[in-house]
């Protein structure tokens, strides 16, 4: 017998589970601070397959083991009576590389749902805020060719991706903080793996809380 589960049914099941296992906590849910942040990353990429193909067909030996990206995001923190606060939010990031000899450019834009878990015991060792983060969402990679005809992979590709990492933030004036972050990112929107942006990212971050 086939069983069809609607979105409404899944929502009801989720709410029932939350109320069953966390009845008092669900009632004591409270909104905490809201944060908005932005920054710049240095990323490592895995574009070897694409670069080998470009070299074989066009003789261009430019390589980009890494590059710069920019990010912008926001989080809302919630707390329960018996649990530490958890942040949920959205993040937008964009990275790009340009092969100047052939006038080819690659870009990769991610739109991620994120969660954040403050690590309070580290604050006792070194003053600051330390946050374990994770995110999952959609990446859109684009290849633009202005000079040579590489039409077989030119265009845009969309695929899932995720990242996990750690942030360290240090207060400056009230409600503001500066710091850094380190993440591992998986992003390979092209199904054949030619446009492969997975790697590590290390960044500087500014945050405003209110």
Protein backbone atom coordinates (compact mmCIF):
# COMPACT_ATOMS: atom_id res chain seq x y z
CA UNK A 1 0.00 0.00 0.00
CA UNK A 2 1.41 3.36 -1.03
CA UNK A 3 1.57 6.02 1.66
CA UNK A 4 1.74 9.68 0.65
CA UNK A 5 3.17 12.12 3.18
CA UNK A 6 2.27 15.75 2.55
CA UNK A 7 4.26 18.75 3.70
CA UNK A 8 1.55 19.53 6.23
CA UNK A 9 1.79 16.00 7.56
CA UNK A 10 5.56 16.29 7.99
CA UNK A 11 5.15 19.60 9.81
CA UNK A 12 2.58 18.10 12.18
CA UNK A 13 4.87 15.10 12.86
CA UNK A 14 7.81 17.41 13.60
CA UNK A 15 5.78 19.55 16.00
CA UNK A 16 4.47 16.45 17.78
CA UNK A 17 7.99 15.11 18.26
CA UNK A 18 9.22 18.45 19.62
CA UNK A 19 6.34 18.72 22.06
CA UNK A 20 6.76 15.09 23.14
CA UNK A 21 10.45 15.21 23.92
CA UNK A 22 10.85 18.89 24.84
CA UNK A 23 7.49 19.98 26.24
CA UNK A 24 8.81 22.53 28.72
CA UNK A 25 11.61 23.72 26.42
CA UNK A 26 9.25 24.32 23.53
CA UNK A 27 7.10 26.52 25.74
CA UNK A 28 10.17 28.44 27.00
CA UNK A 29 11.58 29.29 23.57
CA UNK A 30 12.93 32.83 23.62
CA UNK A 31 14.48 35.07 21.00
CA UNK A 32 17.96 36.29 21.82
CA UNK A 33 20.24 38.62 19.85
CA UNK A 34 20.18 39.19 16.11
CA UNK A 35 23.49 39.47 14.25
CA UNK A 36 24.42 40.75 10.81
CA UNK A 37 27.90 40.02 9.47
CA UNK A 38 30.08 40.39 6.40
CA UNK A 39 33.64 39.67 5.41
CA UNK A 40 36.24 38.42 2.98
CA UNK A 41 37.72 34.93 2.55
CA UNK A 42 40.75 33.38 0.96
CA UNK A 43 39.63 30.06 -0.54
CA UNK A 44 41.32 27.01 -1.94
CA UNK A 45 39.74 25.45 -5.05
CA UNK A 46 40.00 22.13 -6.87
CA UNK A 47 39.90 23.29 -10.50
CA UNK A 48 42.59 20.87 -11.70
CA UNK A 49 40.30 19.00 -14.10
CA UNK A 50 39.12 22.21 -15.77
CA UNK A 51 42.62 23.66 -15.97
CA UNK A 52 44.09 20.48 -17.46
CA UNK A 53 41.36 20.52 -20.10
CA UNK A 54 42.01 24.19 -20.95
CA UNK A 55 45.75 23.52 -21.19
CA UNK A 56 45.29 20.45 -23.42
CA UNK A 57 42.90 22.18 -25.83
CA UNK A 58 44.19 25.77 -25.79
CA UNK A 59 47.70 25.65 -24.36
CA UNK A 60 46.89 28.02 -21.50
CA UNK A 61 48.78 27.10 -18.33
CA UNK A 62 47.20 29.57 -15.89
CA UNK A 63 46.21 27.91 -12.61
CA UNK A 64 44.17 29.10 -9.66
CA UNK A 65 44.68 26.94 -6.58
CA UNK A 66 42.77 29.59 -4.63
CA UNK A 67 41.16 33.00 -4.67
CA UNK A 68 39.14 35.65 -2.87
CA UNK A 69 35.44 35.59 -2.00
CA UNK A 70 33.03 37.88 -0.19
CA UNK A 71 30.19 36.89 2.14
CA UNK A 72 27.21 38.47 3.85
CA UNK A 73 24.83 36.89 6.36
CA UNK A 74 22.43 37.26 9.26
CA UNK A 75 21.48 35.09 12.23
CA UNK A 76 18.76 35.01 14.84
CA UNK A 77 19.66 33.31 18.14
CA UNK A 78 17.10 31.38 20.19
CA UNK A 79 17.39 29.91 23.67
CA UNK A 80 15.53 27.28 25.67
CA UNK A 81 15.25 26.94 29.43
CA UNK A 82 17.55 23.93 29.69
CA UNK A 83 19.62 24.31 26.53
CA UNK A 84 22.29 26.75 25.29
CA UNK A 85 21.32 29.26 22.58
CA UNK A 86 21.36 28.23 18.92
CA UNK A 87 21.53 30.58 15.95
CA UNK A 88 19.78 30.07 12.62
CA UNK A 89 20.25 32.25 9.58
CA UNK A 90 21.09 32.76 5.92
CA UNK A 91 24.39 33.44 4.19
CA UNK A 92 25.28 34.61 0.68
CA UNK A 93 28.79 34.21 -0.70
CA UNK A 94 30.45 34.77 -4.06
CA UNK A 95 33.83 33.70 -5.43
CA UNK A 96 35.36 34.11 -8.88
CA UNK A 97 38.49 33.50 -10.94
CA UNK A 98 39.53 34.90 -14.33
CA UNK A 99 41.84 33.32 -16.92
CA UNK A 100 43.06 36.50 -18.55
CA UNK A 101 45.00 34.90 -21.42
CA UNK A 102 41.82 33.32 -22.83
CA UNK A 103 39.34 35.83 -21.38
CA UNK A 104 37.48 33.08 -19.50
CA UNK A 105 35.90 33.75 -16.11
CA UNK A 106 34.41 31.39 -13.56
CA UNK A 107 32.17 32.39 -10.69
CA UNK A 108 30.43 30.50 -7.91
CA UNK A 109 27.61 31.92 -5.78
CA UNK A 110 26.22 30.16 -2.72
CA UNK A 111 22.96 30.70 -0.86
CA UNK A 112 23.05 28.77 2.42
CA UNK A 113 20.84 28.09 5.42
CA UNK A 114 23.12 28.14 8.45
CA UNK A 115 23.12 27.09 12.10
CA UNK A 116 25.47 28.32 14.83
CA UNK A 117 26.37 26.77 18.19
CA UNK A 118 28.29 28.98 20.65
CA UNK A 119 31.11 27.20 22.50
CA UNK A 120 31.01 28.83 25.90
CA UNK A 121 33.77 26.90 27.67
CA UNK A 122 36.40 28.37 25.30
CA UNK A 123 35.51 31.85 26.54
CA UNK A 124 36.98 30.94 29.93
CA UNK A 125 40.34 30.20 28.29
CA UNK A 126 40.59 33.14 25.89
CA UNK A 127 38.12 36.09 26.07
CA UNK A 128 35.94 36.28 22.98
CA UNK A 129 33.08 34.45 21.29
CA UNK A 130 33.65 31.06 19.67
CA UNK A 131 31.00 29.56 17.43
CA UNK A 132 30.74 26.22 15.65
CA UNK A 133 28.91 26.78 12.36
CA UNK A 134 27.40 24.64 9.63
CA UNK A 135 25.47 25.50 6.50
CA UNK A 136 23.79 23.80 3.56
CA UNK A 137 22.15 25.14 0.45
CA UNK A 138 22.54 25.78 -3.25
CA UNK A 139 25.57 26.88 -5.29
CA UNK A 140 25.40 28.30 -8.80
CA UNK A 141 28.59 28.13 -10.87
CA UNK A 142 28.91 30.06 -14.13
CA UNK A 143 31.47 29.96 -16.92
CA UNK A 144 31.68 32.92 -19.30
CA UNK A 145 33.87 32.64 -22.41
CA UNK A 146 34.53 35.91 -24.28
CA UNK A 147 37.26 34.78 -26.67
CA UNK A 148 37.51 31.04 -27.43
CA UNK A 149 34.63 28.67 -28.10
CA UNK A 150 34.36 26.17 -25.24
CA UNK A 151 30.63 25.80 -25.59
CA UNK A 152 30.43 22.26 -24.25
CA UNK A 153 30.55 23.47 -20.64
CA UNK A 154 29.87 27.19 -21.03
CA UNK A 155 26.86 28.37 -19.04
CA UNK A 156 25.51 28.04 -15.51
CA UNK A 157 25.15 24.99 -13.28
CA UNK A 158 23.30 24.60 -9.98
CA UNK A 159 23.96 22.01 -7.30
CA UNK A 160 23.85 21.41 -3.55
CA UNK A 161 26.68 22.31 -1.24
CA UNK A 162 27.58 22.64 2.42
CA UNK A 163 30.21 24.00 4.77
CA UNK A 164 31.30 23.49 8.36
CA UNK A 165 33.70 25.52 10.44
CA UNK A 166 34.58 27.68 13.41
CA UNK A 167 34.33 31.42 14.08
CA UNK A 168 36.24 33.47 16.66
CA UNK A 169 34.94 36.99 17.36
CA UNK A 170 36.27 39.65 19.69
CA UNK A 171 34.17 42.63 20.90
CA UNK A 172 35.16 46.18 20.04
CA UNK A 173 32.60 48.97 20.75
CA UNK A 174 29.27 47.83 22.18
CA UNK A 175 27.34 45.63 19.75
CA UNK A 176 30.23 45.18 17.33
CA UNK A 177 32.88 42.50 16.95
CA UNK A 178 35.79 41.63 14.67
CA UNK A 179 37.34 38.25 14.14
CA UNK A 180 38.00 35.42 11.77
CA UNK A 181 36.66 32.10 10.60
CA UNK A 182 37.87 28.84 9.12
CA UNK A 183 35.59 26.55 7.07
CA UNK A 184 35.62 23.48 4.90
CA UNK A 185 33.36 23.98 1.86
CA UNK A 186 31.90 21.41 -0.53
CA UNK A 187 30.68 22.95 -3.79
CA UNK A 188 30.76 21.14 -7.13
CA UNK A 189 27.75 22.32 -9.17
CA UNK A 190 28.96 20.84 -12.47
CA UNK A 191 28.02 17.13 -12.60
CA UNK A 192 31.27 16.14 -14.34
CA UNK A 193 33.37 17.85 -11.69
CA UNK A 194 35.00 20.38 -14.04
CA UNK A 195 33.83 23.39 -12.00
CA UNK A 196 34.91 22.17 -8.58
CA UNK A 197 35.10 24.83 -5.88
CA UNK A 198 35.37 22.60 -2.83
CA UNK A 199 38.19 23.41 -0.42
CA UNK A 200 39.13 25.39 2.66
CA UNK A 201 38.38 29.02 3.40
CA UNK A 202 39.96 31.38 5.93
CA UNK A 203 38.40 34.78 6.41
CA UNK A 204 38.10 38.05 8.27
CA UNK A 205 34.66 38.93 9.60
CA UNK A 206 32.89 41.97 11.05
CA UNK A 207 29.66 41.54 13.02
CA UNK A 208 26.94 43.83 14.32
CA UNK A 209 24.61 42.61 17.09
CA UNK A 210 21.33 44.12 18.22
